[in-house]
């Protein structure tokens, strides 16, 4: 039951859960549509200008049925896009209220209604995230006033309610904030480009658990995928110079034998070089290991 080997880092976008958010009509859905074999679970009518595979989602029951079919694996899709996750949460709230015959989640005492909604919402999203497909969650952005002991400041965050936002952001691998960056046009005038921000900031929510992305990337899926692949290559391919070779190591001589103790003597020609340890051993292992796909266990969502 317990593992006997360490799990290597995921090196494929189809194994990750990605949260992307930003202003309305900013190109988030267009960006997601470029993901490999994408299926949209469309909770709103915002895909009319895109040629994509989409399954309309009008209720939480619709989402449960779609999620169960996705979990069966009897389809060609590699990426699932929930657009938007905000609407899905509202459907979940309606589902819980109907189930307990209440008009609003606050009608249950001691915050029980909110807790039931958050538990159900997280349960389904987490099962989708554990399937062997990429999961993209789309949301909008809002400015929120943050109060601390030293004062107040404004931060840009997704539009999900506070408690469920923390749950969702805690389960994803990458948080991407769609923003504008000032630049200079060819004619020398001030211009702006749409970008993705990937690193944490006091002024907006973002993060990259993989550590493979630069801080700013153009809002272009091909550029994003290329940067991720470049980060994977840099992380798993150690430089050849760090690995000793018996073919190039000279035989020990009297001069090397008398070298100061602070310098390690090279092994004699024809002998086996020392086994790398620490970071070198980790890099060597990473070079020979490829990331397995998520376990293909069909998980029912009900």
Foldseek 3Di string as FASTA:
>chain_A
DDDPDDADDAQDLFLFEEEEEEAPPQCPVVLVQPPFQEEEAADDPDCPVDDHHYDDDPALVSVLVVLLVVLVVPDDGAEYEYVALQSNLVRLLVVLCVVVVHDGLPVDPPSPSVVVSLVLSLLSVVLSSLALHRYYHYFYKDWDWDADPVGIDIAIETPHPDPSSVVVVVPGQWYWYWDWDWDADPVRDIDIFIKIAAPDDPHYDTHHNVPQADGIFGSHNVRVSVSSNVSLCVQQADDPVVDDDLVPFAADDPVLVPDDPVDDRTHGRPDDGDQDDDPVNVSVVSNPDHRDGRDSRRDNSD
